[in-house]
Each structure stands twice: as structure tokens, then as C-alpha cells.
Amino acid sequence: QVQVVESGGGLVQAGGSLTLSCAASGRTFSTYCMGWFRQAPGKERELVAQIWSGGSTYHADSVKGRFTISRDNAKNMVYLRMNNLKPEDTAVYYCAARRGVAGPYVYWGQGTQVTVSS
């Protein structure tokens, strides 16, 4: 069983920055694909960014150029640096993990709230 715990959410003004952190358990963390998702009120959960074990990344078009996903395998940590935040970025952000390069994310955190005021 892999445990995933997010932190770093909060309230920020539009144009501001936040960094979300995600701690994952497991001796084989470096082999996991890690993702950040978000869910705004009344909307479906969407993939924001993901990073594969080899370091390749994907960022959704809506956040490309503003958000950056990264990982530190020595610390079993994944980060989401969010710059130039917009009110539409307001959501609960979830960290998730999966084994392998493809397939569904299996392990989920409890989520952290990010609120961007205009």
C-alpha cells in the first residue's frame, strides 16, 4: 500500500504563486508515475500534470508555462510549482501515484484546497 499526503495549499491573490508538496511512502517511489489532479466545484476532476519515473513530464494546456511538476526521489517527494495563479485555478488539488508508465492512478491523497482571489 502506498500512502500519499499533500500539503501547501492556501489562499493567494491572482498573479501570486504557491508550491504544493506531495509525500509518498514506499521503497520503490522512484519507479512510480506521479500526478497532480484538481477538482473545482461542480466540475470533473482533471489531470494537471504528471511526471514519469524517468523524469519526463506532461502539463495540461491550461497550466502550461505557469505550473511546473518536479520530483525528488531521494526524499520521496513530488512538487507542483504554480505561478501566475488565476481565479480559475481555484480547486482541490490531489496528488496520485501509480506503478508503470500507463493506466489508472491507484493511490490518492486527501487533497489540499487552493483558492485564488481576484
N, C-alpha and C. Protein backbone atom coordinates (compact mmCIF):
# COMPACT_ATOMS: atom_id res chain seq x y z
N GLN A 1 0.84 -1.19 0.00
CA GLN A 1 0.00 0.00 0.00
C GLN A 1 0.88 1.25 0.00
N VAL A 2 0.55 2.18 -0.87
CA VAL A 2 1.28 3.44 -0.96
C VAL A 2 0.43 4.54 -0.35
N GLN A 3 1.01 5.30 0.54
CA GLN A 3 0.30 6.44 1.12
C GLN A 3 0.81 7.73 0.49
N VAL A 4 -0.13 8.61 0.20
CA VAL A 4 0.18 9.88 -0.47
C VAL A 4 -0.43 11.01 0.35
N VAL A 5 0.36 12.01 0.68
CA VAL A 5 -0.10 13.12 1.50
C VAL A 5 0.31 14.44 0.88
N GLU A 6 -0.69 15.30 0.59
CA GLU A 6 -0.41 16.61 0.01
C GLU A 6 -0.32 17.67 1.10
N SER A 7 0.36 18.75 0.77
CA SER A 7 0.41 19.92 1.64
C SER A 7 0.74 21.14 0.79
N GLY A 8 0.51 22.32 1.38
CA GLY A 8 0.93 23.54 0.72
C GLY A 8 -0.17 24.39 0.12
N GLY A 9 -1.41 23.92 0.20
CA GLY A 9 -2.50 24.72 -0.33
C GLY A 9 -2.75 25.97 0.51
N GLY A 10 -3.62 26.83 -0.01
CA GLY A 10 -3.94 28.04 0.74
C GLY A 10 -4.66 29.06 -0.12
N LEU A 11 -4.73 30.27 0.42
CA LEU A 11 -5.39 31.39 -0.27
C LEU A 11 -4.32 32.32 -0.82
N VAL A 12 -4.47 32.68 -2.08
CA VAL A 12 -3.48 33.55 -2.72
C VAL A 12 -4.21 34.49 -3.68
N GLN A 13 -3.66 35.66 -3.88
CA GLN A 13 -4.24 36.59 -4.83
C GLN A 13 -3.86 36.21 -6.25
N ALA A 14 -4.69 36.61 -7.18
CA ALA A 14 -4.39 36.37 -8.59
C ALA A 14 -3.03 36.96 -8.93
N GLY A 15 -2.27 36.20 -9.71
CA GLY A 15 -0.92 36.59 -10.04
C GLY A 15 0.13 36.08 -9.09
N GLY A 16 -0.31 35.54 -7.98
CA GLY A 16 0.62 35.02 -6.97
C GLY A 16 1.09 33.61 -7.28
N SER A 17 1.86 33.07 -6.35
CA SER A 17 2.46 31.74 -6.53
C SER A 17 2.25 30.87 -5.29
N LEU A 18 2.22 29.57 -5.53
CA LEU A 18 2.17 28.58 -4.46
C LEU A 18 2.94 27.36 -4.91
N THR A 19 3.47 26.63 -3.95
CA THR A 19 4.09 25.36 -4.26
C THR A 19 3.41 24.27 -3.44
N LEU A 20 2.84 23.30 -4.11
CA LEU A 20 2.25 22.15 -3.45
C LEU A 20 3.29 21.06 -3.31
N SER A 21 3.23 20.35 -2.20
CA SER A 21 4.15 19.24 -1.97
C SER A 21 3.36 17.96 -1.77
N CYS A 22 3.96 16.86 -2.14
CA CYS A 22 3.31 15.56 -2.01
C CYS A 22 4.36 14.56 -1.52
N ALA A 23 4.09 13.96 -0.39
CA ALA A 23 4.96 12.93 0.16
C ALA A 23 4.34 11.57 -0.07
N ALA A 24 5.14 10.66 -0.60
CA ALA A 24 4.65 9.31 -0.88
C ALA A 24 5.50 8.28 -0.17
N SER A 25 4.87 7.26 0.35
CA SER A 25 5.60 6.19 1.02
C SER A 25 6.04 5.15 0.00
N GLY A 26 6.91 4.26 0.44
CA GLY A 26 7.31 3.17 -0.43
C GLY A 26 8.77 3.24 -0.84
N ARG A 27 9.41 2.07 -0.80
CA ARG A 27 10.84 1.99 -1.14
C ARG A 27 11.06 2.14 -2.63
N THR A 28 10.01 1.93 -3.42
CA THR A 28 10.17 1.99 -4.87
C THR A 28 9.56 3.25 -5.46
N PHE A 29 9.58 4.33 -4.68
CA PHE A 29 8.97 5.59 -5.13
C PHE A 29 9.52 6.01 -6.48
N SER A 30 10.80 5.81 -6.70
CA SER A 30 11.42 6.28 -7.93
C SER A 30 10.83 5.62 -9.17
N THR A 31 10.15 4.52 -9.00
CA THR A 31 9.56 3.82 -10.15
C THR A 31 8.11 4.26 -10.41
N TYR A 32 7.54 5.06 -9.50
CA TYR A 32 6.15 5.47 -9.66
C TYR A 32 6.02 6.59 -10.67
N CYS A 33 4.91 6.61 -11.37
CA CYS A 33 4.49 7.79 -12.09
C CYS A 33 3.62 8.59 -11.13
N MET A 34 3.88 9.88 -11.00
CA MET A 34 3.16 10.72 -10.05
C MET A 34 2.38 11.81 -10.79
N GLY A 35 1.19 12.08 -10.31
CA GLY A 35 0.37 13.08 -10.97
C GLY A 35 -0.28 14.04 -10.00
N TRP A 36 -0.56 15.23 -10.50
CA TRP A 36 -1.37 16.21 -9.78
C TRP A 36 -2.68 16.38 -10.54
N PHE A 37 -3.77 16.29 -9.82
CA PHE A 37 -5.11 16.50 -10.37
C PHE A 37 -5.76 17.64 -9.60
N ARG A 38 -6.85 18.17 -10.17
CA ARG A 38 -7.63 19.15 -9.43
C ARG A 38 -9.10 18.99 -9.75
N GLN A 39 -9.92 19.41 -8.80
CA GLN A 39 -11.36 19.36 -8.99
C GLN A 39 -11.96 20.63 -8.43
N ALA A 40 -12.57 21.39 -9.31
CA ALA A 40 -13.27 22.62 -8.90
C ALA A 40 -14.73 22.28 -8.63
N PRO A 41 -15.40 23.10 -7.83
CA PRO A 41 -16.82 22.84 -7.51
C PRO A 41 -17.66 22.70 -8.77
N GLY A 42 -18.42 21.62 -8.84
CA GLY A 42 -19.31 21.41 -9.97
C GLY A 42 -18.63 20.92 -11.23
N LYS A 43 -17.33 20.65 -11.15
CA LYS A 43 -16.59 20.20 -12.33
C LYS A 43 -15.97 18.84 -12.08
N GLU A 44 -15.63 18.17 -13.15
CA GLU A 44 -14.97 16.88 -13.04
C GLU A 44 -13.50 17.08 -12.67
N ARG A 45 -12.96 16.05 -12.06
CA ARG A 45 -11.54 16.06 -11.74
C ARG A 45 -10.74 16.02 -13.03
N GLU A 46 -9.67 16.81 -13.10
CA GLU A 46 -8.86 16.86 -14.30
C GLU A 46 -7.37 16.70 -13.96
N LEU A 47 -6.66 16.12 -14.89
CA LEU A 47 -5.22 15.97 -14.74
C LEU A 47 -4.55 17.31 -15.01
N VAL A 48 -3.71 17.74 -14.10
CA VAL A 48 -2.98 19.00 -14.24
C VAL A 48 -1.58 18.75 -14.78
N ALA A 49 -0.89 17.79 -14.17
CA ALA A 49 0.48 17.49 -14.58
C ALA A 49 0.86 16.11 -14.08
N GLN A 50 1.80 15.50 -14.75
CA GLN A 50 2.32 14.23 -14.28
C GLN A 50 3.79 14.11 -14.64
N ILE A 51 4.48 13.28 -13.85
CA ILE A 51 5.90 13.10 -14.07
C ILE A 51 6.21 11.60 -13.95
N TRP A 52 6.85 11.09 -14.98
CA TRP A 52 7.17 9.67 -15.01
C TRP A 52 8.47 9.40 -14.25
N SER A 53 8.74 8.13 -14.04
CA SER A 53 9.90 7.76 -13.25
C SER A 53 11.20 8.27 -13.85
N GLY A 54 11.24 8.36 -15.16
CA GLY A 54 12.46 8.83 -15.82
C GLY A 54 12.62 10.33 -15.84
N GLY A 55 11.58 11.04 -15.37
CA GLY A 55 11.65 12.49 -15.30
C GLY A 55 10.88 13.23 -16.38
N SER A 56 10.37 12.50 -17.37
CA SER A 56 9.55 13.16 -18.39
C SER A 56 8.29 13.72 -17.75
N THR A 57 7.82 14.82 -18.29
CA THR A 57 6.65 15.48 -17.70
C THR A 57 5.58 15.77 -18.74
N TYR A 58 4.39 15.93 -18.22
CA TYR A 58 3.24 16.39 -19.01
C TYR A 58 2.55 17.48 -18.20
N HIS A 59 2.16 18.57 -18.88
CA HIS A 59 1.37 19.62 -18.26
C HIS A 59 0.16 19.91 -19.13
N ALA A 60 -0.99 20.03 -18.52
CA ALA A 60 -2.19 20.36 -19.25
C ALA A 60 -2.04 21.73 -19.91
N ASP A 61 -2.71 21.92 -21.03
CA ASP A 61 -2.60 23.19 -21.76
C ASP A 61 -2.99 24.38 -20.88
N SER A 62 -3.96 24.17 -20.01
CA SER A 62 -4.46 25.26 -19.18
C SER A 62 -3.43 25.78 -18.18
N VAL A 63 -2.40 24.99 -17.90
CA VAL A 63 -1.39 25.41 -16.91
C VAL A 63 0.00 25.48 -17.51
N LYS A 64 0.15 25.11 -18.75
CA LYS A 64 1.46 25.09 -19.39
C LYS A 64 2.08 26.49 -19.36
N GLY A 65 3.33 26.54 -18.94
CA GLY A 65 4.02 27.82 -18.84
C GLY A 65 3.83 28.50 -17.50
N ARG A 66 2.89 28.01 -16.69
CA ARG A 66 2.64 28.60 -15.36
C ARG A 66 2.95 27.62 -14.23
N PHE A 67 2.64 26.34 -14.45
CA PHE A 67 2.86 25.31 -13.43
C PHE A 67 4.02 24.42 -13.85
N THR A 68 4.74 23.92 -12.87
CA THR A 68 5.84 23.01 -13.13
C THR A 68 5.82 21.88 -12.12
N ILE A 69 5.78 20.64 -12.62
CA ILE A 69 5.86 19.48 -11.74
C ILE A 69 7.31 19.02 -11.66
N SER A 70 7.71 18.58 -10.47
CA SER A 70 9.07 18.07 -10.30
C SER A 70 9.04 17.00 -9.21
N ARG A 71 10.12 16.26 -9.11
CA ARG A 71 10.19 15.21 -8.10
C ARG A 71 11.59 15.13 -7.52
N ASP A 72 11.66 14.67 -6.28
CA ASP A 72 12.92 14.42 -5.60
C ASP A 72 12.86 12.99 -5.09
N ASN A 73 13.45 12.08 -5.82
CA ASN A 73 13.35 10.66 -5.45
C ASN A 73 14.06 10.34 -4.14
N ALA A 74 15.07 11.10 -3.81
CA ALA A 74 15.78 10.86 -2.55
C ALA A 74 14.89 11.15 -1.35
N LYS A 75 13.93 12.04 -1.54
CA LYS A 75 13.03 12.41 -0.43
C LYS A 75 11.63 11.85 -0.60
N ASN A 76 11.39 11.08 -1.65
CA ASN A 76 10.03 10.56 -1.93
C ASN A 76 9.01 11.70 -2.02
N MET A 77 9.39 12.76 -2.73
CA MET A 77 8.55 13.95 -2.80
C MET A 77 8.27 14.34 -4.25
N VAL A 78 7.10 14.89 -4.45
CA VAL A 78 6.71 15.49 -5.73
C VAL A 78 6.19 16.89 -5.42
N TYR A 79 6.47 17.82 -6.33
CA TYR A 79 6.09 19.21 -6.12
C TYR A 79 5.32 19.73 -7.32
N LEU A 80 4.48 20.71 -7.07
CA LEU A 80 3.82 21.43 -8.14
C LEU A 80 4.01 22.91 -7.86
N ARG A 81 4.88 23.54 -8.64
CA ARG A 81 5.10 24.96 -8.51
C ARG A 81 4.08 25.66 -9.39
N MET A 82 3.30 26.57 -8.78
CA MET A 82 2.23 27.25 -9.50
C MET A 82 2.51 28.74 -9.49
N ASN A 83 2.74 29.30 -10.65
CA ASN A 83 2.99 30.73 -10.81
C ASN A 83 1.84 31.39 -11.55
N ASN A 84 1.75 32.69 -11.42
CA ASN A 84 0.73 33.48 -12.12
C ASN A 84 -0.65 32.84 -11.97
N LEU A 85 -1.01 32.57 -10.75
CA LEU A 85 -2.28 31.90 -10.48
C LEU A 85 -3.46 32.76 -10.88
N LYS A 86 -4.50 32.09 -11.35
CA LYS A 86 -5.72 32.74 -11.80
C LYS A 86 -6.90 32.24 -10.96
N PRO A 87 -7.96 33.02 -10.87
CA PRO A 87 -9.14 32.56 -10.11
C PRO A 87 -9.65 31.21 -10.59
N GLU A 88 -9.53 30.92 -11.88
CA GLU A 88 -10.00 29.64 -12.40
C GLU A 88 -9.12 28.46 -11.98
N ASP A 89 -8.00 28.73 -11.33
CA ASP A 89 -7.18 27.65 -10.77
C ASP A 89 -7.70 27.19 -9.40
N THR A 90 -8.69 27.89 -8.88
CA THR A 90 -9.26 27.51 -7.60
C THR A 90 -9.85 26.11 -7.66
N ALA A 91 -9.41 25.24 -6.77
CA ALA A 91 -9.84 23.85 -6.78
C ALA A 91 -9.21 23.12 -5.60
N VAL A 92 -9.68 21.90 -5.39
CA VAL A 92 -8.97 20.98 -4.51
C VAL A 92 -7.95 20.24 -5.38
N TYR A 93 -6.71 20.26 -4.94
CA TYR A 93 -5.64 19.61 -5.70
C TYR A 93 -5.27 18.29 -5.04
N TYR A 94 -5.17 17.26 -5.86
CA TYR A 94 -4.87 15.93 -5.39
C TYR A 94 -3.57 15.42 -6.00
N CYS A 95 -2.81 14.73 -5.19
CA CYS A 95 -1.63 14.03 -5.66
C CYS A 95 -1.99 12.55 -5.78
N ALA A 96 -1.45 11.91 -6.80
CA ALA A 96 -1.76 10.50 -7.02
C ALA A 96 -0.53 9.77 -7.55
N ALA A 97 -0.54 8.47 -7.35
CA ALA A 97 0.59 7.65 -7.77
C ALA A 97 0.11 6.39 -8.47
N ARG A 98 0.91 5.92 -9.36
CA ARG A 98 0.63 4.64 -10.00
C ARG A 98 1.97 3.99 -10.34
N ARG A 99 1.92 2.69 -10.47
CA ARG A 99 3.10 1.95 -10.92
C ARG A 99 2.99 1.76 -12.43
N GLY A 100 4.07 1.91 -13.12
CA GLY A 100 4.03 1.72 -14.56
C GLY A 100 3.85 3.03 -15.31
N VAL A 101 4.05 2.99 -16.60
CA VAL A 101 4.02 4.19 -17.43
C VAL A 101 2.61 4.59 -17.85
N ALA A 102 1.65 3.69 -17.72
CA ALA A 102 0.30 4.00 -18.17
C ALA A 102 -0.71 3.31 -17.26
N GLY A 103 -1.97 3.63 -17.46
CA GLY A 103 -3.01 3.03 -16.65
C GLY A 103 -3.56 3.99 -15.64
N PRO A 104 -4.53 3.55 -14.87
CA PRO A 104 -5.17 4.44 -13.88
C PRO A 104 -4.27 4.71 -12.68
N TYR A 105 -4.46 5.90 -12.11
CA TYR A 105 -3.81 6.19 -10.85
C TYR A 105 -4.54 5.44 -9.74
N VAL A 106 -3.78 4.81 -8.89
CA VAL A 106 -4.36 3.91 -7.90
C VAL A 106 -4.34 4.49 -6.49
N TYR A 107 -3.30 5.23 -6.18
CA TYR A 107 -3.11 5.74 -4.83
C TYR A 107 -3.34 7.25 -4.84
N TRP A 108 -4.20 7.72 -3.93
CA TRP A 108 -4.61 9.12 -3.92
C TRP A 108 -4.43 9.72 -2.54
N GLY A 109 -4.10 11.01 -2.53
CA GLY A 109 -4.09 11.75 -1.28
C GLY A 109 -5.46 12.29 -0.96
N GLN A 110 -5.54 13.01 0.15
CA GLN A 110 -6.82 13.53 0.61
C GLN A 110 -7.17 14.87 -0.01
N GLY A 111 -6.21 15.49 -0.66
CA GLY A 111 -6.45 16.76 -1.34
C GLY A 111 -6.08 17.96 -0.49
N THR A 112 -5.73 19.05 -1.16
CA THR A 112 -5.43 20.31 -0.48
C THR A 112 -6.10 21.43 -1.27
N GLN A 113 -6.73 22.35 -0.55
CA GLN A 113 -7.50 23.41 -1.19
C GLN A 113 -6.59 24.55 -1.64
N VAL A 114 -6.78 24.97 -2.87
CA VAL A 114 -6.12 26.17 -3.40
C VAL A 114 -7.21 27.15 -3.81
N THR A 115 -7.17 28.34 -3.24
CA THR A 115 -8.15 29.37 -3.56
C THR A 115 -7.42 30.60 -4.06
N VAL A 116 -7.81 31.06 -5.25
CA VAL A 116 -7.19 32.23 -5.85
C VAL A 116 -8.23 33.33 -5.92
N SER A 117 -7.95 34.43 -5.24
CA SER A 117 -8.89 35.54 -5.21
C SER A 117 -8.55 36.54 -6.32
N SER A 118 -9.59 37.18 -6.83
CA SER A 118 -9.38 38.14 -7.93
C SER A 118 -9.13 39.53 -7.39
